[in-house]
Amino acid sequence: MDADATYQIASNFIAYEGLNIGEGFTEFERYDMVQTAIETNGGILEEHQAVQLLSEVGVFNGDTDKLQWSVLYNLTTGNGEIFAHRNTDLITKFYLPVN
């Protein structure tokens, strides 16, 4: 990711003592997929695009869907959206003040 980028990407994997240890569920590929989508769109995704992307990159282990929840937080407005199990029809919106 470009150090001057105005976006942040997080993918859940174990990181401690300077080591990054993948859990074996494609966490690095998912991170790359998100980065590619953001860069392809000039560093900007509309909120609905970001929600769709999050629902697509969740972890599958064989036939088991490991995605528990996803959250989108707008660092500019403080608005956020959270949803469970890829269910983008049941999004809970929230607001956290931006300092």
PDB file of N, CA and C in Angstrom:
ATOM      1  N   MET A   1       0.848  -1.172   0.000  1.00  0.00           N
ATOM      2  CA  MET A   1       0.000   0.000   0.000  1.00  0.00           C
ATOM      3  C   MET A   1       0.890   1.231   0.000  1.00  0.00           C
ATOM      4  N   ASP A   2       0.505   2.214  -0.743  1.00  0.00           N
ATOM      5  CA  ASP A   2       1.219   3.484  -0.840  1.00  0.00           C
ATOM      6  C   ASP A   2       1.168   4.201   0.510  1.00  0.00           C
ATOM      7  N   ALA A   3       2.317   4.647   0.997  1.00  0.00           N
ATOM      8  CA  ALA A   3       2.378   5.324   2.297  1.00  0.00           C
ATOM      9  C   ALA A   3       1.574   6.620   2.312  1.00  0.00           C
ATOM     10  N   ASP A   4       1.323   7.213   1.157  1.00  0.00           N
ATOM     11  CA  ASP A   4       0.550   8.452   1.079  1.00  0.00           C
ATOM     12  C   ASP A   4      -0.941   8.200   0.861  1.00  0.00           C
ATOM     13  N   ALA A   5      -1.358   6.956   0.859  1.00  0.00           N
ATOM     14  CA  ALA A   5      -2.755   6.620   0.595  1.00  0.00           C
ATOM     15  C   ALA A   5      -3.656   7.158   1.697  1.00  0.00           C
ATOM     16  N   THR A   6      -4.884   7.499   1.331  1.00  0.00           N
ATOM     17  CA  THR A   6      -5.844   8.010   2.303  1.00  0.00           C
ATOM     18  C   THR A   6      -6.841   6.931   2.709  1.00  0.00           C
ATOM     19  N   TYR A   7      -6.472   5.697   2.562  1.00  0.00           N
ATOM     20  CA  TYR A   7      -7.323   4.587   2.964  1.00  0.00           C
ATOM     21  C   TYR A   7      -6.503   3.613   3.795  1.00  0.00           C
ATOM     22  N   GLN A   8      -7.215   2.774   4.531  1.00  0.00           N
ATOM     23  CA  GLN A   8      -6.568   1.745   5.332  1.00  0.00           C
ATOM     24  C   GLN A   8      -7.208   0.410   5.029  1.00  0.00           C
ATOM     25  N   ILE A   9      -6.395  -0.641   5.057  1.00  0.00           N
ATOM     26  CA  ILE A   9      -6.875  -1.994   4.822  1.00  0.00           C
ATOM     27  C   ILE A   9      -6.440  -2.849   5.995  1.00  0.00           C
ATOM     28  N   ALA A  10      -7.335  -3.672   6.482  1.00  0.00           N
ATOM     29  CA  ALA A  10      -6.977  -4.626   7.530  1.00  0.00           C
ATOM     30  C   ALA A  10      -7.525  -5.990   7.139  1.00  0.00           C
ATOM     31  N   SER A  11      -6.717  -6.992   7.311  1.00  0.00           N
ATOM     32  CA  SER A  11      -7.139  -8.373   7.087  1.00  0.00           C
ATOM     33  C   SER A  11      -6.707  -9.153   8.309  1.00  0.00           C
ATOM     34  N   ASN A  12      -7.597  -9.954   8.850  1.00  0.00           N
ATOM     35  CA  ASN A  12      -7.268 -10.622  10.096  1.00  0.00           C
ATOM     36  C   ASN A  12      -6.293 -11.784   9.881  1.00  0.00           C
ATOM     37  N   PHE A  13      -5.136 -11.612  10.493  1.00  0.00           N
ATOM     38  CA  PHE A  13      -4.149 -12.681  10.587  1.00  0.00           C
ATOM     39  C   PHE A  13      -3.283 -12.401  11.794  1.00  0.00           C
ATOM     40  N   ILE A  14      -2.617 -13.410  12.264  1.00  0.00           N
ATOM     41  CA  ILE A  14      -1.825 -13.292  13.481  1.00  0.00           C
ATOM     42  C   ILE A  14      -0.542 -12.526  13.191  1.00  0.00           C
ATOM     43  N   ALA A  15      -0.278 -11.501  13.984  1.00  0.00           N
ATOM     44  CA  ALA A  15       0.958 -10.730  13.861  1.00  0.00           C
ATOM     45  C   ALA A  15       1.468 -10.422  15.260  1.00  0.00           C
ATOM     46  N   TYR A  16       2.673 -10.862  15.559  1.00  0.00           N
ATOM     47  CA  TYR A  16       3.286 -10.564  16.840  1.00  0.00           C
ATOM     48  C   TYR A  16       4.796 -10.758  16.748  1.00  0.00           C
ATOM     49  N   GLU A  17       5.515 -10.042  17.591  1.00  0.00           N
ATOM     50  CA  GLU A  17       6.969 -10.129  17.652  1.00  0.00           C
ATOM     51  C   GLU A  17       7.622 -10.039  16.266  1.00  0.00           C
ATOM     52  N   GLY A  18       7.090  -9.156  15.432  1.00  0.00           N
ATOM     53  CA  GLY A  18       7.666  -8.953  14.112  1.00  0.00           C
ATOM     54  C   GLY A  18       7.344 -10.040  13.104  1.00  0.00           C
ATOM     55  N   LEU A  19       6.490 -11.000  13.463  1.00  0.00           N
ATOM     56  CA  LEU A  19       6.132 -12.088  12.557  1.00  0.00           C
ATOM     57  C   LEU A  19       4.703 -11.903  12.063  1.00  0.00           C
ATOM     58  N   ASN A  20       4.464 -12.233  10.828  1.00  0.00           N
ATOM     59  CA  ASN A  20       3.112 -12.282  10.283  1.00  0.00           C
ATOM     60  C   ASN A  20       2.839 -13.729   9.912  1.00  0.00           C
ATOM     61  N   ILE A  21       1.928 -14.327  10.634  1.00  0.00           N
ATOM     62  CA  ILE A  21       1.637 -15.741  10.432  1.00  0.00           C
ATOM     63  C   ILE A  21       0.225 -15.868   9.901  1.00  0.00           C
ATOM     64  N   GLY A  22       0.093 -16.346   8.683  1.00  0.00           N
ATOM     65  CA  GLY A  22      -1.229 -16.544   8.113  1.00  0.00           C
ATOM     66  C   GLY A  22      -1.934 -17.703   8.781  1.00  0.00           C
ATOM     67  N   GLU A  23      -3.247 -17.610   8.840  1.00  0.00           N
ATOM     68  CA  GLU A  23      -4.039 -18.668   9.440  1.00  0.00           C
ATOM     69  C   GLU A  23      -4.416 -19.732   8.425  1.00  0.00           C
ATOM     70  N   GLY A  24      -3.963 -19.573   7.188  1.00  0.00           N
ATOM     71  CA  GLY A  24      -4.268 -20.578   6.182  1.00  0.00           C
ATOM     72  C   GLY A  24      -5.589 -20.390   5.478  1.00  0.00           C
ATOM     73  N   PHE A  25      -6.255 -19.268   5.687  1.00  0.00           N
ATOM     74  CA  PHE A  25      -7.555 -19.023   5.070  1.00  0.00           C
ATOM     75  C   PHE A  25      -7.486 -17.880   4.069  1.00  0.00           C
ATOM     76  N   THR A  26      -6.436 -17.785   3.323  1.00  0.00           N
ATOM     77  CA  THR A  26      -6.269 -16.817   2.228  1.00  0.00           C
ATOM     78  C   THR A  26      -6.244 -15.359   2.679  1.00  0.00           C
ATOM     79  N   GLU A  27      -5.765 -15.082   3.896  1.00  0.00           N
ATOM     80  CA  GLU A  27      -5.784 -13.700   4.382  1.00  0.00           C
ATOM     81  C   GLU A  27      -4.934 -12.762   3.541  1.00  0.00           C
ATOM     82  N   PHE A  28      -3.832 -13.223   3.015  1.00  0.00           N
ATOM     83  CA  PHE A  28      -2.990 -12.359   2.194  1.00  0.00           C
ATOM     84  C   PHE A  28      -3.621 -12.113   0.826  1.00  0.00           C
ATOM     85  N   GLU A  29      -4.258 -13.123   0.275  1.00  0.00           N
ATOM     86  CA  GLU A  29      -4.961 -12.955  -0.999  1.00  0.00           C
ATOM     87  C   GLU A  29      -6.143 -12.010  -0.841  1.00  0.00           C
ATOM     88  N   ARG A  30      -6.836 -12.089   0.293  1.00  0.00           N
ATOM     89  CA  ARG A  30      -7.974 -11.196   0.543  1.00  0.00           C
ATOM     90  C   ARG A  30      -7.493  -9.756   0.668  1.00  0.00           C
ATOM     91  N   TYR A  31      -6.404  -9.550   1.363  1.00  0.00           N
ATOM     92  CA  TYR A  31      -5.822  -8.210   1.499  1.00  0.00           C
ATOM     93  C   TYR A  31      -5.483  -7.660   0.115  1.00  0.00           C
ATOM     94  N   ASP A  32      -4.819  -8.472  -0.698  1.00  0.00           N
ATOM     95  CA  ASP A  32      -4.446  -8.040  -2.047  1.00  0.00           C
ATOM     96  C   ASP A  32      -5.674  -7.726  -2.895  1.00  0.00           C
ATOM     97  N   MET A  33      -6.740  -8.512  -2.740  1.00  0.00           N
ATOM     98  CA  MET A  33      -7.972  -8.300  -3.502  1.00  0.00           C
ATOM     99  C   MET A  33      -8.588  -6.942  -3.154  1.00  0.00           C
ATOM    100  N   VAL A  34      -8.582  -6.606  -1.874  1.00  0.00           N
ATOM    101  CA  VAL A  34      -9.125  -5.312  -1.434  1.00  0.00           C
ATOM    102  C   VAL A  34      -8.255  -4.175  -1.962  1.00  0.00           C
ATOM    103  N   GLN A  35      -6.947  -4.313  -1.825  1.00  0.00           N
ATOM    104  CA  GLN A  35      -6.035  -3.272  -2.307  1.00  0.00           C
ATOM    105  C   GLN A  35      -6.208  -3.059  -3.807  1.00  0.00           C
ATOM    106  N   THR A  36      -6.305  -4.121  -4.573  1.00  0.00           N
ATOM    107  CA  THR A  36      -6.488  -4.021  -6.020  1.00  0.00           C
ATOM    108  C   THR A  36      -7.791  -3.294  -6.352  1.00  0.00           C
ATOM    109  N   ALA A  37      -8.871  -3.647  -5.659  1.00  0.00           N
ATOM    110  CA  ALA A  37     -10.165  -2.999  -5.919  1.00  0.00           C
ATOM    111  C   ALA A  37     -10.093  -1.505  -5.628  1.00  0.00           C
ATOM    112  N   ILE A  38      -9.439  -1.132  -4.542  1.00  0.00           N
ATOM    113  CA  ILE A  38      -9.325   0.285  -4.193  1.00  0.00           C
ATOM    114  C   ILE A  38      -8.479   1.021  -5.232  1.00  0.00           C
ATOM    115  N   GLU A  39      -7.349   0.453  -5.581  1.00  0.00           N
ATOM    116  CA  GLU A  39      -6.465   1.112  -6.543  1.00  0.00           C
ATOM    117  C   GLU A  39      -7.087   1.179  -7.931  1.00  0.00           C
ATOM    118  N   THR A  40      -7.842   0.163  -8.318  1.00  0.00           N
ATOM    119  CA  THR A  40      -8.521   0.151  -9.615  1.00  0.00           C
ATOM    120  C   THR A  40      -9.536   1.290  -9.711  1.00  0.00           C
ATOM    121  N   ASN A  41     -10.097   1.662  -8.562  1.00  0.00           N
ATOM    122  CA  ASN A  41     -11.088   2.742  -8.511  1.00  0.00           C
ATOM    123  C   ASN A  41     -10.476   4.073  -8.091  1.00  0.00           C
ATOM    124  N   GLY A  42      -9.173   4.232  -8.296  1.00  0.00           N
ATOM    125  CA  GLY A  42      -8.511   5.503  -8.011  1.00  0.00           C
ATOM    126  C   GLY A  42      -8.440   5.851  -6.532  1.00  0.00           C
ATOM    127  N   GLY A  43      -8.467   4.844  -5.670  1.00  0.00           N
ATOM    128  CA  GLY A  43      -8.358   5.087  -4.235  1.00  0.00           C
ATOM    129  C   GLY A  43      -9.674   5.416  -3.563  1.00  0.00           C
ATOM    130  N   ILE A  44     -10.772   5.346  -4.311  1.00  0.00           N
ATOM    131  CA  ILE A  44     -12.075   5.717  -3.762  1.00  0.00           C
ATOM    132  C   ILE A  44     -13.101   4.641  -4.092  1.00  0.00           C
ATOM    133  N   LEU A  45     -13.811   4.189  -3.072  1.00  0.00           N
ATOM    134  CA  LEU A  45     -14.954   3.301  -3.264  1.00  0.00           C
ATOM    135  C   LEU A  45     -16.173   3.975  -2.647  1.00  0.00           C
ATOM    136  N   GLU A  46     -17.284   3.910  -3.340  1.00  0.00           N
ATOM    137  CA  GLU A  46     -18.540   4.342  -2.735  1.00  0.00           C
ATOM    138  C   GLU A  46     -18.857   3.355  -1.614  1.00  0.00           C
ATOM    139  N   GLU A  47     -19.655   3.782  -0.645  1.00  0.00           N
ATOM    140  CA  GLU A  47     -19.937   2.902   0.487  1.00  0.00           C
ATOM    141  C   GLU A  47     -20.544   1.580   0.041  1.00  0.00           C
ATOM    142  N   HIS A  48     -21.468   1.605  -0.927  1.00  0.00           N
ATOM    143  CA  HIS A  48     -22.080   0.352  -1.377  1.00  0.00           C
ATOM    144  C   HIS A  48     -21.043  -0.557  -2.048  1.00  0.00           C
ATOM    145  N   GLN A  49     -20.050   0.021  -2.736  1.00  0.00           N
ATOM    146  CA  GLN A  49     -18.982  -0.776  -3.337  1.00  0.00           C
ATOM    147  C   GLN A  49     -18.118  -1.426  -2.262  1.00  0.00           C
ATOM    148  N   ALA A  50     -17.824  -0.667  -1.219  1.00  0.00           N
ATOM    149  CA  ALA A  50     -16.997  -1.190  -0.133  1.00  0.00           C
ATOM    150  C   ALA A  50     -17.717  -2.315   0.608  1.00  0.00           C
ATOM    151  N   VAL A  51     -19.001  -2.159   0.864  1.00  0.00           N
ATOM    152  CA  VAL A  51     -19.781  -3.204   1.530  1.00  0.00           C
ATOM    153  C   VAL A  51     -19.797  -4.465   0.668  1.00  0.00           C
ATOM    154  N   GLN A  52     -20.019  -4.305  -0.621  1.00  0.00           N
ATOM    155  CA  GLN A  52     -20.025  -5.460  -1.528  1.00  0.00           C
ATOM    156  C   GLN A  52     -18.672  -6.162  -1.516  1.00  0.00           C
ATOM    157  N   LEU A  53     -17.606  -5.398  -1.568  1.00  0.00           N
ATOM    158  CA  LEU A  53     -16.262  -5.966  -1.549  1.00  0.00           C
ATOM    159  C   LEU A  53     -16.019  -6.744  -0.254  1.00  0.00           C
ATOM    160  N   LEU A  54     -16.404  -6.171   0.877  1.00  0.00           N
ATOM    161  CA  LEU A  54     -16.232  -6.862   2.150  1.00  0.00           C
ATOM    162  C   LEU A  54     -16.995  -8.186   2.178  1.00  0.00           C
ATOM    163  N   SER A  55     -18.184  -8.193   1.616  1.00  0.00           N
ATOM    164  CA  SER A  55     -18.966  -9.434   1.616  1.00  0.00           C
ATOM    165  C   SER A  55     -18.355 -10.489   0.693  1.00  0.00           C
ATOM    166  N   GLU A  56     -17.581 -10.058  -0.292  1.00  0.00           N
ATOM    167  CA  GLU A  56     -16.962 -10.996  -1.229  1.00  0.00           C
ATOM    168  C   GLU A  56     -15.650 -11.585  -0.709  1.00  0.00           C
ATOM    169  N   VAL A  57     -14.933 -10.866   0.130  1.00  0.00           N
ATOM    170  CA  VAL A  57     -13.594 -11.313   0.519  1.00  0.00           C
ATOM    171  C   VAL A  57     -13.561 -12.090   1.830  1.00  0.00           C
ATOM    172  N   GLY A  58     -14.694 -12.349   2.415  1.00  0.00           N
ATOM    173  CA  GLY A  58     -14.719 -13.115   3.658  1.00  0.00           C
ATOM    174  C   GLY A  58     -14.144 -14.512   3.465  1.00  0.00           C
ATOM    175  N   VAL A  59     -13.754 -15.115   4.552  1.00  0.00           N
ATOM    176  CA  VAL A  59     -13.050 -16.394   4.544  1.00  0.00           C
ATOM    177  C   VAL A  59     -13.988 -17.572   4.329  1.00  0.00           C
ATOM    178  N   PHE A  60     -13.593 -18.429   3.420  1.00  0.00           N
ATOM    179  CA  PHE A  60     -14.213 -19.744   3.273  1.00  0.00           C
ATOM    180  C   PHE A  60     -13.149 -20.780   3.570  1.00  0.00           C
ATOM    181  N   ASN A  61     -13.490 -21.802   4.309  1.00  0.00           N
ATOM    182  CA  ASN A  61     -12.619 -22.941   4.543  1.00  0.00           C
ATOM    183  C   ASN A  61     -13.369 -24.144   4.003  1.00  0.00           C
ATOM    184  N   GLY A  62     -13.079 -24.486   2.751  1.00  0.00           N
ATOM    185  CA  GLY A  62     -13.877 -25.518   2.094  1.00  0.00           C
ATOM    186  C   GLY A  62     -15.282 -24.995   1.899  1.00  0.00           C
ATOM    187  N   ASP A  63     -16.273 -25.733   2.410  1.00  0.00           N
ATOM    188  CA  ASP A  63     -17.669 -25.320   2.303  1.00  0.00           C
ATOM    189  C   ASP A  63     -18.121 -24.477   3.492  1.00  0.00           C
ATOM    190  N   THR A  64     -17.242 -24.272   4.465  1.00  0.00           N
ATOM    191  CA  THR A  64     -17.595 -23.531   5.669  1.00  0.00           C
ATOM    192  C   THR A  64     -17.299 -22.047   5.488  1.00  0.00           C
ATOM    193  N   ASP A  65     -18.326 -21.241   5.679  1.00  0.00           N
ATOM    194  CA  ASP A  65     -18.176 -19.788   5.609  1.00  0.00           C
ATOM    195  C   ASP A  65     -17.692 -19.304   6.966  1.00  0.00           C
ATOM    196  N   LYS A  66     -16.475 -18.771   7.029  1.00  0.00           N
ATOM    197  CA  LYS A  66     -15.875 -18.331   8.274  1.00  0.00           C
ATOM    198  C   LYS A  66     -16.131 -16.855   8.569  1.00  0.00           C
ATOM    199  N   LEU A  67     -16.765 -16.140   7.637  1.00  0.00           N
ATOM    200  CA  LEU A  67     -17.004 -14.715   7.850  1.00  0.00           C
ATOM    201  C   LEU A  67     -18.044 -14.528   8.953  1.00  0.00           C
ATOM    202  N   GLN A  68     -17.640 -13.854  10.029  1.00  0.00           N
ATOM    203  CA  GLN A  68     -18.566 -13.598  11.130  1.00  0.00           C
ATOM    204  C   GLN A  68     -19.190 -12.214  11.004  1.00  0.00           C
ATOM    205  N   TRP A  69     -18.374 -11.217  10.713  1.00  0.00           N
ATOM    206  CA  TRP A  69     -18.885  -9.861  10.580  1.00  0.00           C
ATOM    207  C   TRP A  69     -17.905  -9.028   9.766  1.00  0.00           C
ATOM    208  N   SER A  70     -18.411  -7.948   9.219  1.00  0.00           N
ATOM    209  CA  SER A  70     -17.601  -6.975   8.495  1.00  0.00           C
ATOM    210  C   SER A  70     -18.047  -5.589   8.920  1.00  0.00           C
ATOM    211  N   VAL A  71     -17.102  -4.662   8.918  1.00  0.00           N
ATOM    212  CA  VAL A  71     -17.427  -3.293   9.305  1.00  0.00           C
ATOM    213  C   VAL A  71     -16.747  -2.325   8.347  1.00  0.00           C
ATOM    214  N   LEU A  72     -17.449  -1.270   8.032  1.00  0.00           N
ATOM    215  CA  LEU A  72     -16.946  -0.197   7.184  1.00  0.00           C
ATOM    216  C   LEU A  72     -17.042   1.080   8.012  1.00  0.00           C
ATOM    217  N   TYR A  73     -15.923   1.802   8.112  1.00  0.00           N
ATOM    218  CA  TYR A  73     -15.904   3.044   8.881  1.00  0.00           C
ATOM    219  C   TYR A  73     -15.340   4.151   8.017  1.00  0.00           C
ATOM    220  N   ASN A  74     -16.104   5.218   7.863  1.00  0.00           N
ATOM    221  CA  ASN A  74     -15.680   6.370   7.083  1.00  0.00           C
ATOM    222  C   ASN A  74     -14.896   7.308   7.986  1.00  0.00           C
ATOM    223  N   LEU A  75     -13.601   7.409   7.754  1.00  0.00           N
ATOM    224  CA  LEU A  75     -12.724   8.218   8.595  1.00  0.00           C
ATOM    225  C   LEU A  75     -12.975   9.719   8.452  1.00  0.00           C
ATOM    226  N   THR A  76     -13.673  10.111   7.404  1.00  0.00           N
ATOM    227  CA  THR A  76     -13.975  11.523   7.183  1.00  0.00           C
ATOM    228  C   THR A  76     -15.258  11.937   7.895  1.00  0.00           C
ATOM    229  N   THR A  77     -16.295  11.139   7.757  1.00  0.00           N
ATOM    230  CA  THR A  77     -17.603  11.512   8.308  1.00  0.00           C
ATOM    231  C   THR A  77     -17.887  10.917   9.678  1.00  0.00           C
ATOM    232  N   GLY A  78     -17.238   9.807  10.006  1.00  0.00           N
ATOM    233  CA  GLY A  78     -17.528   9.103  11.250  1.00  0.00           C
ATOM    234  C   GLY A  78     -18.668   8.111  11.126  1.00  0.00           C
ATOM    235  N   ASN A  79     -19.262   8.024   9.943  1.00  0.00           N
ATOM    236  CA  ASN A  79     -20.341   7.066   9.722  1.00  0.00           C
ATOM    237  C   ASN A  79     -19.769   5.667   9.540  1.00  0.00           C
ATOM    238  N   GLY A  80     -20.515   4.683   9.996  1.00  0.00           N
ATOM    239  CA  GLY A  80     -20.075   3.312   9.843  1.00  0.00           C
ATOM    240  C   GLY A  80     -21.230   2.382   9.555  1.00  0.00           C
ATOM    241  N   GLU A  81     -20.875   1.214   9.052  1.00  0.00           N
ATOM    242  CA  GLU A  81     -21.854   0.176   8.761  1.00  0.00           C
ATOM    243  C   GLU A  81     -21.251  -1.151   9.176  1.00  0.00           C
ATOM    244  N   ILE A  82     -22.055  -1.999   9.793  1.00  0.00           N
ATOM    245  CA  ILE A  82     -21.607  -3.316  10.206  1.00  0.00           C
ATOM    246  C   ILE A  82     -22.674  -4.339   9.820  1.00  0.00           C
ATOM    247  N   PHE A  83     -22.215  -5.499   9.385  1.00  0.00           N
ATOM    248  CA  PHE A  83     -23.156  -6.557   9.038  1.00  0.00           C
ATOM    249  C   PHE A  83     -22.525  -7.911   9.351  1.00  0.00           C
ATOM    250  N   ALA A  84     -23.370  -8.887   9.573  1.00  0.00           N
ATOM    251  CA  ALA A  84     -22.912 -10.228   9.928  1.00  0.00           C
ATOM    252  C   ALA A  84     -23.162 -11.205   8.785  1.00  0.00           C
ATOM    253  N   HIS A  85     -22.263 -12.158   8.670  1.00  0.00           N
ATOM    254  CA  HIS A  85     -22.436 -13.307   7.766  1.00  0.00           C
ATOM    255  C   HIS A  85     -22.831 -12.932   6.336  1.00  0.00           C
ATOM    256  N   ARG A  86     -22.188 -11.943   5.759  1.00  0.00           N
ATOM    257  CA  ARG A  86     -22.448 -11.518   4.374  1.00  0.00           C
ATOM    258  C   ARG A  86     -23.864 -11.009   4.135  1.00  0.00           C
ATOM    259  N   ASN A  87     -24.627 -10.812   5.182  1.00  0.00           N
ATOM    260  CA  ASN A  87     -26.015 -10.384   5.030  1.00  0.00           C
ATOM    261  C   ASN A  87     -26.071  -8.866   4.901  1.00  0.00           C
ATOM    262  N   THR A  88     -25.861  -8.391   3.683  1.00  0.00           N
ATOM    263  CA  THR A  88     -25.852  -6.950   3.437  1.00  0.00           C
ATOM    264  C   THR A  88     -27.259  -6.353   3.407  1.00  0.00           C
ATOM    265  N   ASP A  89     -28.281  -7.200   3.565  1.00  0.00           N
ATOM    266  CA  ASP A  89     -29.646  -6.687   3.676  1.00  0.00           C
ATOM    267  C   ASP A  89     -29.963  -6.255   5.104  1.00  0.00           C
ATOM    268  N   LEU A  90     -29.120  -6.657   6.056  1.00  0.00           N
ATOM    269  CA  LEU A  90     -29.319  -6.291   7.462  1.00  0.00           C
ATOM    270  C   LEU A  90     -28.097  -5.542   7.984  1.00  0.00           C
ATOM    271  N   ILE A  91     -27.877  -4.368   7.438  1.00  0.00           N
ATOM    272  CA  ILE A  91     -26.745  -3.537   7.845  1.00  0.00           C
ATOM    273  C   ILE A  91     -27.177  -2.631   8.993  1.00  0.00           C
ATOM    274  N   THR A  92     -26.357  -2.583  10.014  1.00  0.00           N
ATOM    275  CA  THR A  92     -26.585  -1.651  11.115  1.00  0.00           C
ATOM    276  C   THR A  92     -25.660  -0.461  10.910  1.00  0.00           C
ATOM    277  N   LYS A  93     -26.248   0.717  10.859  1.00  0.00           N
ATOM    278  CA  LYS A  93     -25.464   1.939  10.675  1.00  0.00           C
ATOM    279  C   LYS A  93     -25.162   2.542  12.042  1.00  0.00           C
ATOM    280  N   PHE A  94     -23.994   3.166  12.161  1.00  0.00           N
ATOM    281  CA  PHE A  94     -23.607   3.799  13.411  1.00  0.00           C
ATOM    282  C   PHE A  94     -22.760   5.031  13.104  1.00  0.00           C
ATOM    283  N   TYR A  95     -22.538   5.803  14.141  1.00  0.00           N
ATOM    284  CA  TYR A  95     -21.735   7.017  14.017  1.00  0.00           C
ATOM    285  C   TYR A  95     -20.761   7.082  15.188  1.00  0.00           C
ATOM    286  N   LEU A  96     -19.498   7.324  14.895  1.00  0.00           N
ATOM    287  CA  LEU A  96     -18.474   7.575  15.897  1.00  0.00           C
ATOM    288  C   LEU A  96     -17.847   8.913  15.567  1.00  0.00           C
ATOM    289  N   PRO A  97     -17.794   9.828  16.519  1.00  0.00           N
ATOM    290  CA  PRO A  97     -17.236  11.147  16.241  1.00  0.00           C
ATOM    291  C   PRO A  97     -15.813  11.064  15.698  1.00  0.00           C
ATOM    292  N   VAL A  98     -15.502  11.930  14.765  1.00  0.00           N
ATOM    293  CA  VAL A  98     -14.153  12.035  14.194  1.00  0.00           C
ATOM    294  C   VAL A  98     -13.434  13.170  14.915  1.00  0.00           C
ATOM    295  N   ASN A  99     -12.277  12.894  15.397  1.00  0.00           N
ATOM    296  CA  ASN A  99     -11.493  13.951  16.080  1.00  0.00           C
ATOM    297  C   ASN A  99     -10.480  14.535  15.158  1.00  0.00           C
TER     298      ASN A  99
END
